[in-house]
Amino acid sequence: MPQLDPPHTSPPKIKLSRLRDIGWSKWDPIGLLADGQTWHDADCQSFADEYDSYLLQAAGQLRRGASAEGVVRYLIDIEVNHMGVGPRRDAVARAREVVASLQADEALWIYPG
């Protein structure tokens, strides 16, 4: 279950490296990484931020209490309609895996002390 912000505190910050680890390993709808590559390899740095805004939006929606299926639909919409990849058989499974991973990662959000 996502942790909601307590009232009158600074909002948490996301740990971008963890977000990218999840997004690139489980989503990568355009297929930018070759087999065995990771987003932080030197030759991938030029496009490492490719999915950041979409994944930040998805994580933020979950943190604010959006339903998992709503966020799955958001990721599929991005993939199909904004990236123009078109519908793929594994789109729902990949989006669900991303959402489950975002929800399960207890170190994804950094809360101010």
PDB file of N, CA and C in Angstrom:
ATOM      1  N   MET A   1       0.850  -1.175   0.000  1.00  0.00           N
ATOM      2  CA  MET A   1       0.000   0.000   0.000  1.00  0.00           C
ATOM      3  C   MET A   1       0.895   1.238   0.000  1.00  0.00           C
ATOM      4  N   PRO A   2       0.612   2.232  -0.834  1.00  0.00           N
ATOM      5  CA  PRO A   2       1.465   3.417  -0.884  1.00  0.00           C
ATOM      6  C   PRO A   2       1.366   4.211   0.393  1.00  0.00           C
ATOM      7  N   GLN A   3       2.458   4.840   0.731  1.00  0.00           N
ATOM      8  CA  GLN A   3       2.518   5.677   1.908  1.00  0.00           C
ATOM      9  C   GLN A   3       2.033   7.064   1.522  1.00  0.00           C
ATOM     10  N   LEU A   4       0.999   7.567   2.194  1.00  0.00           N
ATOM     11  CA  LEU A   4       0.485   8.895   1.911  1.00  0.00           C
ATOM     12  C   LEU A   4       1.228   9.911   2.754  1.00  0.00           C
ATOM     13  N   ASP A   5       1.360  11.119   2.248  1.00  0.00           N
ATOM     14  CA  ASP A   5       2.060  12.169   2.966  1.00  0.00           C
ATOM     15  C   ASP A   5       1.267  12.607   4.189  1.00  0.00           C
ATOM     16  N   PRO A   6       1.920  12.713   5.347  1.00  0.00           N
ATOM     17  CA  PRO A   6       1.223  13.277   6.495  1.00  0.00           C
ATOM     18  C   PRO A   6       0.938  14.752   6.227  1.00  0.00           C
ATOM     19  N   PRO A   7      -0.103  15.305   6.825  1.00  0.00           N
ATOM     20  CA  PRO A   7      -0.420  16.714   6.577  1.00  0.00           C
ATOM     21  C   PRO A   7       0.703  17.639   7.057  1.00  0.00           C
ATOM     22  N   HIS A   8       0.900  18.729   6.335  1.00  0.00           N
ATOM     23  CA  HIS A   8       1.832  19.803   6.703  1.00  0.00           C
ATOM     24  C   HIS A   8       3.290  19.364   6.744  1.00  0.00           C
ATOM     25  N   THR A   9       3.667  18.445   5.907  1.00  0.00           N
ATOM     26  CA  THR A   9       5.074  18.080   5.807  1.00  0.00           C
ATOM     27  C   THR A   9       5.514  18.277   4.368  1.00  0.00           C
ATOM     28  N   SER A  10       6.806  18.318   4.184  1.00  0.00           N
ATOM     29  CA  SER A  10       7.332  18.416   2.834  1.00  0.00           C
ATOM     30  C   SER A  10       7.038  17.118   2.096  1.00  0.00           C
ATOM     31  N   PRO A  11       6.720  17.211   0.813  1.00  0.00           N
ATOM     32  CA  PRO A  11       6.459  15.970   0.067  1.00  0.00           C
ATOM     33  C   PRO A  11       7.741  15.151  -0.073  1.00  0.00           C
ATOM     34  N   PRO A  12       7.588  13.859  -0.213  1.00  0.00           N
ATOM     35  CA  PRO A  12       8.770  13.013  -0.383  1.00  0.00           C
ATOM     36  C   PRO A  12       9.379  13.225  -1.765  1.00  0.00           C
ATOM     37  N   LYS A  13      10.610  12.825  -1.874  1.00  0.00           N
ATOM     38  CA  LYS A  13      11.294  12.850  -3.167  1.00  0.00           C
ATOM     39  C   LYS A  13      11.476  11.411  -3.607  1.00  0.00           C
ATOM     40  N   ILE A  14      11.473  11.242  -4.903  1.00  0.00           N
ATOM     41  CA  ILE A  14      11.625   9.890  -5.431  1.00  0.00           C
ATOM     42  C   ILE A  14      13.097   9.605  -5.689  1.00  0.00           C
ATOM     43  N   LYS A  15      13.476   8.384  -5.464  1.00  0.00           N
ATOM     44  CA  LYS A  15      14.843   7.954  -5.757  1.00  0.00           C
ATOM     45  C   LYS A  15      14.868   7.536  -7.224  1.00  0.00           C
ATOM     46  N   LEU A  16      15.341   8.444  -8.069  1.00  0.00           N
ATOM     47  CA  LEU A  16      15.276   8.261  -9.517  1.00  0.00           C
ATOM     48  C   LEU A  16      15.974   6.987  -9.984  1.00  0.00           C
ATOM     49  N   SER A  17      17.077   6.638  -9.383  1.00  0.00           N
ATOM     50  CA  SER A  17      17.788   5.432  -9.815  1.00  0.00           C
ATOM     51  C   SER A  17      16.938   4.186  -9.601  1.00  0.00           C
ATOM     52  N   ARG A  18      16.197   4.121  -8.515  1.00  0.00           N
ATOM     53  CA  ARG A  18      15.326   2.966  -8.267  1.00  0.00           C
ATOM     54  C   ARG A  18      14.157   2.963  -9.251  1.00  0.00           C
ATOM     55  N   LEU A  19      13.603   4.145  -9.522  1.00  0.00           N
ATOM     56  CA  LEU A  19      12.513   4.251 -10.483  1.00  0.00           C
ATOM     57  C   LEU A  19      12.971   3.767 -11.859  1.00  0.00           C
ATOM     58  N   ARG A  20      14.157   4.185 -12.261  1.00  0.00           N
ATOM     59  CA  ARG A  20      14.693   3.747 -13.549  1.00  0.00           C
ATOM     60  C   ARG A  20      14.975   2.256 -13.562  1.00  0.00           C
ATOM     61  N   ASP A  21      15.497   1.718 -12.466  1.00  0.00           N
ATOM     62  CA  ASP A  21      15.738   0.271 -12.412  1.00  0.00           C
ATOM     63  C   ASP A  21      14.446  -0.495 -12.683  1.00  0.00           C
ATOM     64  N   ILE A  22      13.354  -0.048 -12.080  1.00  0.00           N
ATOM     65  CA  ILE A  22      12.059  -0.706 -12.271  1.00  0.00           C
ATOM     66  C   ILE A  22      11.582  -0.506 -13.709  1.00  0.00           C
ATOM     67  N   GLY A  23      11.545   0.736 -14.150  1.00  0.00           N
ATOM     68  CA  GLY A  23      10.997   1.043 -15.466  1.00  0.00           C
ATOM     69  C   GLY A  23      11.747   0.398 -16.608  1.00  0.00           C
ATOM     70  N   TRP A  24      13.058   0.465 -16.545  1.00  0.00           N
ATOM     71  CA  TRP A  24      13.846  -0.080 -17.662  1.00  0.00           C
ATOM     72  C   TRP A  24      13.862  -1.605 -17.648  1.00  0.00           C
ATOM     73  N   SER A  25      13.817  -2.212 -16.483  1.00  0.00           N
ATOM     74  CA  SER A  25      13.880  -3.675 -16.450  1.00  0.00           C
ATOM     75  C   SER A  25      12.527  -4.328 -16.712  1.00  0.00           C
ATOM     76  N   LYS A  26      11.425  -3.602 -16.439  1.00  0.00           N
ATOM     77  CA  LYS A  26      10.115  -4.219 -16.544  1.00  0.00           C
ATOM     78  C   LYS A  26       9.219  -3.617 -17.616  1.00  0.00           C
ATOM     79  N   TRP A  27       9.553  -2.435 -18.108  1.00  0.00           N
ATOM     80  CA  TRP A  27       8.645  -1.766 -19.049  1.00  0.00           C
ATOM     81  C   TRP A  27       9.306  -1.605 -20.415  1.00  0.00           C
ATOM     82  N   ASP A  28      10.197  -0.665 -20.616  1.00  0.00           N
ATOM     83  CA  ASP A  28      10.943  -0.400 -21.857  1.00  0.00           C
ATOM     84  C   ASP A  28      10.120  -0.686 -23.120  1.00  0.00           C
ATOM     85  N   PRO A  29       8.986   0.025 -23.305  1.00  0.00           N
ATOM     86  CA  PRO A  29       8.095  -0.275 -24.425  1.00  0.00           C
ATOM     87  C   PRO A  29       8.701  -0.048 -25.804  1.00  0.00           C
ATOM     88  N   ILE A  30       9.670   0.844 -25.912  1.00  0.00           N
ATOM     89  CA  ILE A  30      10.287   1.113 -27.208  1.00  0.00           C
ATOM     90  C   ILE A  30      11.395   0.103 -27.497  1.00  0.00           C
ATOM     91  N   GLY A  31      11.887  -0.563 -26.459  1.00  0.00           N
ATOM     92  CA  GLY A  31      12.949  -1.547 -26.630  1.00  0.00           C
ATOM     93  C   GLY A  31      14.300  -0.906 -26.873  1.00  0.00           C
ATOM     94  N   LEU A  32      14.619   0.122 -26.092  1.00  0.00           N
ATOM     95  CA  LEU A  32      15.879   0.839 -26.284  1.00  0.00           C
ATOM     96  C   LEU A  32      17.099   0.074 -25.786  1.00  0.00           C
ATOM     97  N   LEU A  33      16.913  -0.767 -24.778  1.00  0.00           N
ATOM     98  CA  LEU A  33      18.051  -1.506 -24.246  1.00  0.00           C
ATOM     99  C   LEU A  33      18.244  -2.822 -24.989  1.00  0.00           C
ATOM    100  N   ALA A  34      19.462  -3.094 -25.335  1.00  0.00           N
ATOM    101  CA  ALA A  34      19.799  -4.388 -25.929  1.00  0.00           C
ATOM    102  C   ALA A  34      19.873  -5.423 -24.808  1.00  0.00           C
ATOM    103  N   ASP A  35      19.851  -6.683 -25.163  1.00  0.00           N
ATOM    104  CA  ASP A  35      19.944  -7.741 -24.149  1.00  0.00           C
ATOM    105  C   ASP A  35      21.169  -7.535 -23.281  1.00  0.00           C
ATOM    106  N   GLY A  36      20.962  -7.606 -21.980  1.00  0.00           N
ATOM    107  CA  GLY A  36      22.058  -7.482 -21.032  1.00  0.00           C
ATOM    108  C   GLY A  36      22.434  -6.059 -20.668  1.00  0.00           C
ATOM    109  N   GLN A  37      21.887  -5.067 -21.353  1.00  0.00           N
ATOM    110  CA  GLN A  37      22.198  -3.674 -21.026  1.00  0.00           C
ATOM    111  C   GLN A  37      21.341  -3.183 -19.876  1.00  0.00           C
ATOM    112  N   THR A  38      21.828  -2.151 -19.197  1.00  0.00           N
ATOM    113  CA  THR A  38      21.040  -1.444 -18.195  1.00  0.00           C
ATOM    114  C   THR A  38      21.088   0.040 -18.524  1.00  0.00           C
ATOM    115  N   TRP A  39      20.141   0.801 -17.969  1.00  0.00           N
ATOM    116  CA  TRP A  39      20.038   2.224 -18.280  1.00  0.00           C
ATOM    117  C   TRP A  39      21.284   3.002 -17.871  1.00  0.00           C
ATOM    118  N   HIS A  40      22.067   2.489 -16.927  1.00  0.00           N
ATOM    119  CA  HIS A  40      23.230   3.253 -16.475  1.00  0.00           C
ATOM    120  C   HIS A  40      24.534   2.876 -17.173  1.00  0.00           C
ATOM    121  N   ASP A  41      24.467   2.009 -18.174  1.00  0.00           N
ATOM    122  CA  ASP A  41      25.656   1.741 -18.982  1.00  0.00           C
ATOM    123  C   ASP A  41      26.044   3.017 -19.727  1.00  0.00           C
ATOM    124  N   ALA A  42      27.327   3.214 -19.933  1.00  0.00           N
ATOM    125  CA  ALA A  42      27.828   4.454 -20.548  1.00  0.00           C
ATOM    126  C   ALA A  42      27.160   4.746 -21.891  1.00  0.00           C
ATOM    127  N   ASP A  43      26.952   3.737 -22.706  1.00  0.00           N
ATOM    128  CA  ASP A  43      26.363   3.985 -24.017  1.00  0.00           C
ATOM    129  C   ASP A  43      24.844   4.187 -23.972  1.00  0.00           C
ATOM    130  N   CYS A  44      24.245   4.111 -22.797  1.00  0.00           N
ATOM    131  CA  CYS A  44      22.806   4.340 -22.644  1.00  0.00           C
ATOM    132  C   CYS A  44      22.506   5.690 -21.988  1.00  0.00           C
ATOM    133  N   GLN A  45      23.531   6.390 -21.554  1.00  0.00           N
ATOM    134  CA  GLN A  45      23.305   7.645 -20.834  1.00  0.00           C
ATOM    135  C   GLN A  45      22.572   8.695 -21.661  1.00  0.00           C
ATOM    136  N   SER A  46      22.738   8.673 -22.970  1.00  0.00           N
ATOM    137  CA  SER A  46      22.095   9.691 -23.801  1.00  0.00           C
ATOM    138  C   SER A  46      20.572   9.573 -23.793  1.00  0.00           C
ATOM    139  N   PHE A  47      20.034   8.397 -23.447  1.00  0.00           N
ATOM    140  CA  PHE A  47      18.582   8.241 -23.417  1.00  0.00           C
ATOM    141  C   PHE A  47      18.065   7.717 -22.075  1.00  0.00           C
ATOM    142  N   ALA A  48      18.879   7.770 -21.038  1.00  0.00           N
ATOM    143  CA  ALA A  48      18.483   7.220 -19.739  1.00  0.00           C
ATOM    144  C   ALA A  48      17.225   7.866 -19.190  1.00  0.00           C
ATOM    145  N   ASP A  49      16.974   9.117 -19.532  1.00  0.00           N
ATOM    146  CA  ASP A  49      15.800   9.814 -19.009  1.00  0.00           C
ATOM    147  C   ASP A  49      14.568   9.655 -19.898  1.00  0.00           C
ATOM    148  N   GLU A  50      14.619   8.814 -20.885  1.00  0.00           N
ATOM    149  CA  GLU A  50      13.546   8.662 -21.873  1.00  0.00           C
ATOM    150  C   GLU A  50      12.176   8.431 -21.235  1.00  0.00           C
ATOM    151  N   TYR A  51      12.089   7.604 -20.205  1.00  0.00           N
ATOM    152  CA  TYR A  51      10.803   7.253 -19.615  1.00  0.00           C
ATOM    153  C   TYR A  51      10.529   7.954 -18.284  1.00  0.00           C
ATOM    154  N   ASP A  52      11.439   8.793 -17.825  1.00  0.00           N
ATOM    155  CA  ASP A  52      11.322   9.374 -16.491  1.00  0.00           C
ATOM    156  C   ASP A  52       9.979  10.036 -16.222  1.00  0.00           C
ATOM    157  N   SER A  53       9.516  10.899 -17.093  1.00  0.00           N
ATOM    158  CA  SER A  53       8.283  11.634 -16.806  1.00  0.00           C
ATOM    159  C   SER A  53       7.083  10.691 -16.698  1.00  0.00           C
ATOM    160  N   TYR A  54       7.034   9.667 -17.528  1.00  0.00           N
ATOM    161  CA  TYR A  54       5.923   8.717 -17.469  1.00  0.00           C
ATOM    162  C   TYR A  54       5.965   7.906 -16.167  1.00  0.00           C
ATOM    163  N   LEU A  55       7.148   7.447 -15.812  1.00  0.00           N
ATOM    164  CA  LEU A  55       7.284   6.649 -14.593  1.00  0.00           C
ATOM    165  C   LEU A  55       7.081   7.499 -13.340  1.00  0.00           C
ATOM    166  N   LEU A  56       7.556   8.750 -13.369  1.00  0.00           N
ATOM    167  CA  LEU A  56       7.317   9.657 -12.242  1.00  0.00           C
ATOM    168  C   LEU A  56       5.826   9.884 -12.053  1.00  0.00           C
ATOM    169  N   GLN A  57       5.112  10.070 -13.149  1.00  0.00           N
ATOM    170  CA  GLN A  57       3.666  10.270 -13.087  1.00  0.00           C
ATOM    171  C   GLN A  57       2.989   9.021 -12.511  1.00  0.00           C
ATOM    172  N   ALA A  58       3.386   7.850 -12.972  1.00  0.00           N
ATOM    173  CA  ALA A  58       2.795   6.603 -12.484  1.00  0.00           C
ATOM    174  C   ALA A  58       3.049   6.428 -10.989  1.00  0.00           C
ATOM    175  N   ALA A  59       4.283   6.634 -10.561  1.00  0.00           N
ATOM    176  CA  ALA A  59       4.617   6.491  -9.138  1.00  0.00           C
ATOM    177  C   ALA A  59       3.867   7.521  -8.297  1.00  0.00           C
ATOM    178  N   GLY A  60       3.791   8.745  -8.789  1.00  0.00           N
ATOM    179  CA  GLY A  60       3.073   9.791  -8.070  1.00  0.00           C
ATOM    180  C   GLY A  60       1.594   9.481  -7.939  1.00  0.00           C
ATOM    181  N   GLN A  61       0.998   8.940  -8.982  1.00  0.00           N
ATOM    182  CA  GLN A  61      -0.414   8.558  -8.921  1.00  0.00           C
ATOM    183  C   GLN A  61      -0.630   7.504  -7.836  1.00  0.00           C
ATOM    184  N   LEU A  62       0.237   6.517  -7.786  1.00  0.00           N
ATOM    185  CA  LEU A  62       0.118   5.474  -6.765  1.00  0.00           C
ATOM    186  C   LEU A  62       0.288   6.053  -5.370  1.00  0.00           C
ATOM    187  N   ARG A  63       1.267   6.931  -5.204  1.00  0.00           N
ATOM    188  CA  ARG A  63       1.520   7.528  -3.889  1.00  0.00           C
ATOM    189  C   ARG A  63       0.318   8.330  -3.408  1.00  0.00           C
ATOM    190  N   ARG A  64      -0.391   8.943  -4.362  1.00  0.00           N
ATOM    191  CA  ARG A  64      -1.557   9.752  -4.008  1.00  0.00           C
ATOM    192  C   ARG A  64      -2.836   8.923  -3.882  1.00  0.00           C
ATOM    193  N   GLY A  65      -2.724   7.600  -4.018  1.00  0.00           N
ATOM    194  CA  GLY A  65      -3.857   6.729  -3.766  1.00  0.00           C
ATOM    195  C   GLY A  65      -4.624   6.252  -4.986  1.00  0.00           C
ATOM    196  N   ALA A  66      -4.106   6.470  -6.183  1.00  0.00           N
ATOM    197  CA  ALA A  66      -4.775   5.971  -7.390  1.00  0.00           C
ATOM    198  C   ALA A  66      -4.794   4.452  -7.375  1.00  0.00           C
ATOM    199  N   SER A  67      -5.777   3.890  -8.035  1.00  0.00           N
ATOM    200  CA  SER A  67      -5.860   2.430  -8.097  1.00  0.00           C
ATOM    201  C   SER A  67      -4.745   1.874  -8.982  1.00  0.00           C
ATOM    202  N   ALA A  68      -4.333   0.678  -8.654  1.00  0.00           N
ATOM    203  CA  ALA A  68      -3.295   0.015  -9.446  1.00  0.00           C
ATOM    204  C   ALA A  68      -3.748  -0.139 -10.895  1.00  0.00           C
ATOM    205  N   GLU A  69      -4.998  -0.535 -11.108  1.00  0.00           N
ATOM    206  CA  GLU A  69      -5.489  -0.723 -12.477  1.00  0.00           C
ATOM    207  C   GLU A  69      -5.571   0.602 -13.237  1.00  0.00           C
ATOM    208  N   GLY A  70      -5.846   1.691 -12.534  1.00  0.00           N
ATOM    209  CA  GLY A  70      -5.849   3.007 -13.174  1.00  0.00           C
ATOM    210  C   GLY A  70      -4.463   3.373 -13.674  1.00  0.00           C
ATOM    211  N   VAL A  71      -3.452   3.058 -12.889  1.00  0.00           N
ATOM    212  CA  VAL A  71      -2.074   3.356 -13.285  1.00  0.00           C
ATOM    213  C   VAL A  71      -1.632   2.412 -14.399  1.00  0.00           C
ATOM    214  N   VAL A  72      -2.087   1.182 -14.368  1.00  0.00           N
ATOM    215  CA  VAL A  72      -1.818   0.251 -15.471  1.00  0.00           C
ATOM    216  C   VAL A  72      -2.394   0.828 -16.764  1.00  0.00           C
ATOM    217  N   ARG A  73      -3.633   1.306 -16.714  1.00  0.00           N
ATOM    218  CA  ARG A  73      -4.254   1.903 -17.908  1.00  0.00           C
ATOM    219  C   ARG A  73      -3.469   3.127 -18.378  1.00  0.00           C
ATOM    220  N   TYR A  74      -2.962   3.936 -17.433  1.00  0.00           N
ATOM    221  CA  TYR A  74      -2.156   5.104 -17.788  1.00  0.00           C
ATOM    222  C   TYR A  74      -0.910   4.671 -18.572  1.00  0.00           C
ATOM    223  N   LEU A  75      -0.184   3.669 -18.069  1.00  0.00           N
ATOM    224  CA  LEU A  75       1.040   3.213 -18.736  1.00  0.00           C
ATOM    225  C   LEU A  75       0.741   2.638 -20.121  1.00  0.00           C
ATOM    226  N   ILE A  76      -0.342   1.913 -20.239  1.00  0.00           N
ATOM    227  CA  ILE A  76      -0.718   1.368 -21.539  1.00  0.00           C
ATOM    228  C   ILE A  76      -1.084   2.496 -22.502  1.00  0.00           C
ATOM    229  N   ASP A  77      -1.805   3.494 -22.016  1.00  0.00           N
ATOM    230  CA  ASP A  77      -2.162   4.641 -22.853  1.00  0.00           C
ATOM    231  C   ASP A  77      -0.906   5.364 -23.344  1.00  0.00           C
ATOM    232  N   ILE A  78       0.061   5.551 -22.476  1.00  0.00           N
ATOM    233  CA  ILE A  78       1.316   6.201 -22.867  1.00  0.00           C
ATOM    234  C   ILE A  78       1.984   5.399 -23.968  1.00  0.00           C
ATOM    235  N   GLU A  79       2.074   4.115 -23.754  1.00  0.00           N
ATOM    236  CA  GLU A  79       2.751   3.231 -24.714  1.00  0.00           C
ATOM    237  C   GLU A  79       2.043   3.233 -26.079  1.00  0.00           C
ATOM    238  N   VAL A  80       0.740   3.079 -26.065  1.00  0.00           N
ATOM    239  CA  VAL A  80      -0.015   2.916 -27.303  1.00  0.00           C
ATOM    240  C   VAL A  80      -0.264   4.249 -28.004  1.00  0.00           C
ATOM    241  N   ASN A  81      -0.707   5.253 -27.256  1.00  0.00           N
ATOM    242  CA  ASN A  81      -1.154   6.505 -27.875  1.00  0.00           C
ATOM    243  C   ASN A  81      -0.114   7.614 -27.923  1.00  0.00           C
ATOM    244  N   HIS A  82       0.792   7.657 -26.962  1.00  0.00           N
ATOM    245  CA  HIS A  82       1.781   8.741 -26.945  1.00  0.00           C
ATOM    246  C   HIS A  82       3.108   8.338 -27.579  1.00  0.00           C
ATOM    247  N   MET A  83       3.501   7.088 -27.357  1.00  0.00           N
ATOM    248  CA  MET A  83       4.744   6.615 -27.957  1.00  0.00           C
ATOM    249  C   MET A  83       4.492   6.026 -29.343  1.00  0.00           C
ATOM    250  N   GLY A  84       3.240   5.703 -29.617  1.00  0.00           N
ATOM    251  CA  GLY A  84       2.884   5.161 -30.918  1.00  0.00           C
ATOM    252  C   GLY A  84       3.368   3.751 -31.168  1.00  0.00           C
ATOM    253  N   VAL A  85       3.626   3.015 -30.105  1.00  0.00           N
ATOM    254  CA  VAL A  85       4.110   1.648 -30.255  1.00  0.00           C
ATOM    255  C   VAL A  85       2.992   0.745 -30.768  1.00  0.00           C
ATOM    256  N   GLY A  86       1.768   1.075 -30.430  1.00  0.00           N
ATOM    257  CA  GLY A  86       0.643   0.233 -30.801  1.00  0.00           C
ATOM    258  C   GLY A  86       0.415  -0.835 -29.756  1.00  0.00           C
ATOM    259  N   PRO A  87      -0.764  -1.457 -29.786  1.00  0.00           N
ATOM    260  CA  PRO A  87      -1.064  -2.483 -28.788  1.00  0.00           C
ATOM    261  C   PRO A  87      -0.170  -3.708 -28.953  1.00  0.00           C
ATOM    262  N   ARG A  88       0.372  -4.153 -27.839  1.00  0.00           N
ATOM    263  CA  ARG A  88       1.198  -5.363 -27.832  1.00  0.00           C
ATOM    264  C   ARG A  88       0.609  -6.339 -26.830  1.00  0.00           C
ATOM    265  N   ARG A  89       0.767  -7.617 -27.110  1.00  0.00           N
ATOM    266  CA  ARG A  89       0.173  -8.643 -26.245  1.00  0.00           C
ATOM    267  C   ARG A  89       0.635  -8.556 -24.803  1.00  0.00           C
ATOM    268  N   ASP A  90       1.873  -8.187 -24.588  1.00  0.00           N
ATOM    269  CA  ASP A  90       2.409  -8.193 -23.233  1.00  0.00           C
ATOM    270  C   ASP A  90       2.277  -6.839 -22.520  1.00  0.00           C
ATOM    271  N   ALA A  91       1.598  -5.867 -23.112  1.00  0.00           N
ATOM    272  CA  ALA A  91       1.520  -4.523 -22.535  1.00  0.00           C
ATOM    273  C   ALA A  91       0.886  -4.529 -21.145  1.00  0.00           C
ATOM    274  N   VAL A  92      -0.211  -5.231 -20.988  1.00  0.00           N
ATOM    275  CA  VAL A  92      -0.895  -5.249 -19.691  1.00  0.00           C
ATOM    276  C   VAL A  92      -0.016  -5.930 -18.640  1.00  0.00           C
ATOM    277  N   ALA A  93       0.575  -7.042 -18.984  1.00  0.00           N
ATOM    278  CA  ALA A  93       1.427  -7.767 -18.028  1.00  0.00           C
ATOM    279  C   ALA A  93       2.618  -6.915 -17.610  1.00  0.00           C
ATOM    280  N   ARG A  94       3.251  -6.233 -18.563  1.00  0.00           N
ATOM    281  CA  ARG A  94       4.404  -5.387 -18.223  1.00  0.00           C
ATOM    282  C   ARG A  94       3.982  -4.218 -17.353  1.00  0.00           C
ATOM    283  N   ALA A  95       2.865  -3.592 -17.684  1.00  0.00           N
ATOM    284  CA  ALA A  95       2.383  -2.451 -16.891  1.00  0.00           C
ATOM    285  C   ALA A  95       2.028  -2.900 -15.476  1.00  0.00           C
ATOM    286  N   ARG A  96       1.394  -4.054 -15.359  1.00  0.00           N
ATOM    287  CA  ARG A  96       1.061  -4.566 -14.013  1.00  0.00           C
ATOM    288  C   ARG A  96       2.317  -4.880 -13.208  1.00  0.00           C
ATOM    289  N   GLU A  97       3.328  -5.393 -13.872  1.00  0.00           N
ATOM    290  CA  GLU A  97       4.583  -5.697 -13.177  1.00  0.00           C
ATOM    291  C   GLU A  97       5.257  -4.414 -12.688  1.00  0.00           C
ATOM    292  N   VAL A  98       5.214  -3.358 -13.499  1.00  0.00           N
ATOM    293  CA  VAL A  98       5.776  -2.072 -13.080  1.00  0.00           C
ATOM    294  C   VAL A  98       5.023  -1.547 -11.869  1.00  0.00           C
ATOM    295  N   VAL A  99       3.699  -1.559 -11.928  1.00  0.00           N
ATOM    296  CA  VAL A  99       2.884  -1.044 -10.824  1.00  0.00           C
ATOM    297  C   VAL A  99       3.146  -1.846  -9.553  1.00  0.00           C
ATOM    298  N   ALA A 100       3.168  -3.162  -9.652  1.00  0.00           N
ATOM    299  CA  ALA A 100       3.433  -3.998  -8.478  1.00  0.00           C
ATOM    300  C   ALA A 100       4.812  -3.702  -7.897  1.00  0.00           C
ATOM    301  N   SER A 101       5.791  -3.507  -8.756  1.00  0.00           N
ATOM    302  CA  SER A 101       7.151  -3.206  -8.290  1.00  0.00           C
ATOM    303  C   SER A 101       7.224  -1.834  -7.624  1.00  0.00           C
ATOM    304  N   LEU A 102       6.530  -0.855  -8.196  1.00  0.00           N
ATOM    305  CA  LEU A 102       6.497   0.475  -7.578  1.00  0.00           C
ATOM    306  C   LEU A 102       5.849   0.406  -6.199  1.00  0.00           C
ATOM    307  N   GLN A 103       4.773  -0.332  -6.083  1.00  0.00           N
ATOM    308  CA  GLN A 103       4.080  -0.463  -4.807  1.00  0.00           C
ATOM    309  C   GLN A 103       4.917  -1.213  -3.774  1.00  0.00           C
ATOM    310  N   ALA A 104       5.694  -2.175  -4.212  1.00  0.00           N
ATOM    311  CA  ALA A 104       6.451  -3.017  -3.291  1.00  0.00           C
ATOM    312  C   ALA A 104       7.773  -2.411  -2.846  1.00  0.00           C
ATOM    313  N   ASP A 105       8.277  -1.438  -3.575  1.00  0.00           N
ATOM    314  CA  ASP A 105       9.608  -0.893  -3.280  1.00  0.00           C
ATOM    315  C   ASP A 105       9.534   0.120  -2.145  1.00  0.00           C
ATOM    316  N   GLU A 106       9.940  -0.315  -0.969  1.00  0.00           N
ATOM    317  CA  GLU A 106       9.866   0.537   0.217  1.00  0.00           C
ATOM    318  C   GLU A 106      10.916   1.642   0.230  1.00  0.00           C
ATOM    319  N   ALA A 107      11.919   1.542  -0.597  1.00  0.00           N
ATOM    320  CA  ALA A 107      12.978   2.558  -0.629  1.00  0.00           C
ATOM    321  C   ALA A 107      12.831   3.513  -1.811  1.00  0.00           C
ATOM    322  N   LEU A 108      11.703   3.455  -2.521  1.00  0.00           N
ATOM    323  CA  LEU A 108      11.500   4.290  -3.680  1.00  0.00           C
ATOM    324  C   LEU A 108      11.347   5.771  -3.311  1.00  0.00           C
ATOM    325  N   TRP A 109      10.694   6.031  -2.213  1.00  0.00           N
ATOM    326  CA  TRP A 109      10.433   7.398  -1.772  1.00  0.00           C
ATOM    327  C   TRP A 109      11.344   7.771  -0.599  1.00  0.00           C
ATOM    328  N   ILE A 110      11.854   8.977  -0.648  1.00  0.00           N
ATOM    329  CA  ILE A 110      12.715   9.499   0.423  1.00  0.00           C
ATOM    330  C   ILE A 110      11.923  10.576   1.149  1.00  0.00           C
ATOM    331  N   TYR A 111      11.609  10.312   2.408  1.00  0.00           N
ATOM    332  CA  TYR A 111      10.825  11.263   3.181  1.00  0.00           C
ATOM    333  C   TYR A 111      11.748  12.164   4.002  1.00  0.00           C
ATOM    334  N   PRO A 112      11.475  13.480   3.984  1.00  0.00           N
ATOM    335  CA  PRO A 112      12.320  14.400   4.743  1.00  0.00           C
ATOM    336  C   PRO A 112      12.259  14.086   6.234  1.00  0.00           C
ATOM    337  N   GLY A 113      13.396  14.253   6.871  1.00  0.00           N
ATOM    338  CA  GLY A 113      13.513  13.945   8.293  1.00  0.00           C
ATOM    339  C   GLY A 113      13.021  15.010   9.115  1.00  0.00           C
TER     340      GLY A 113
END
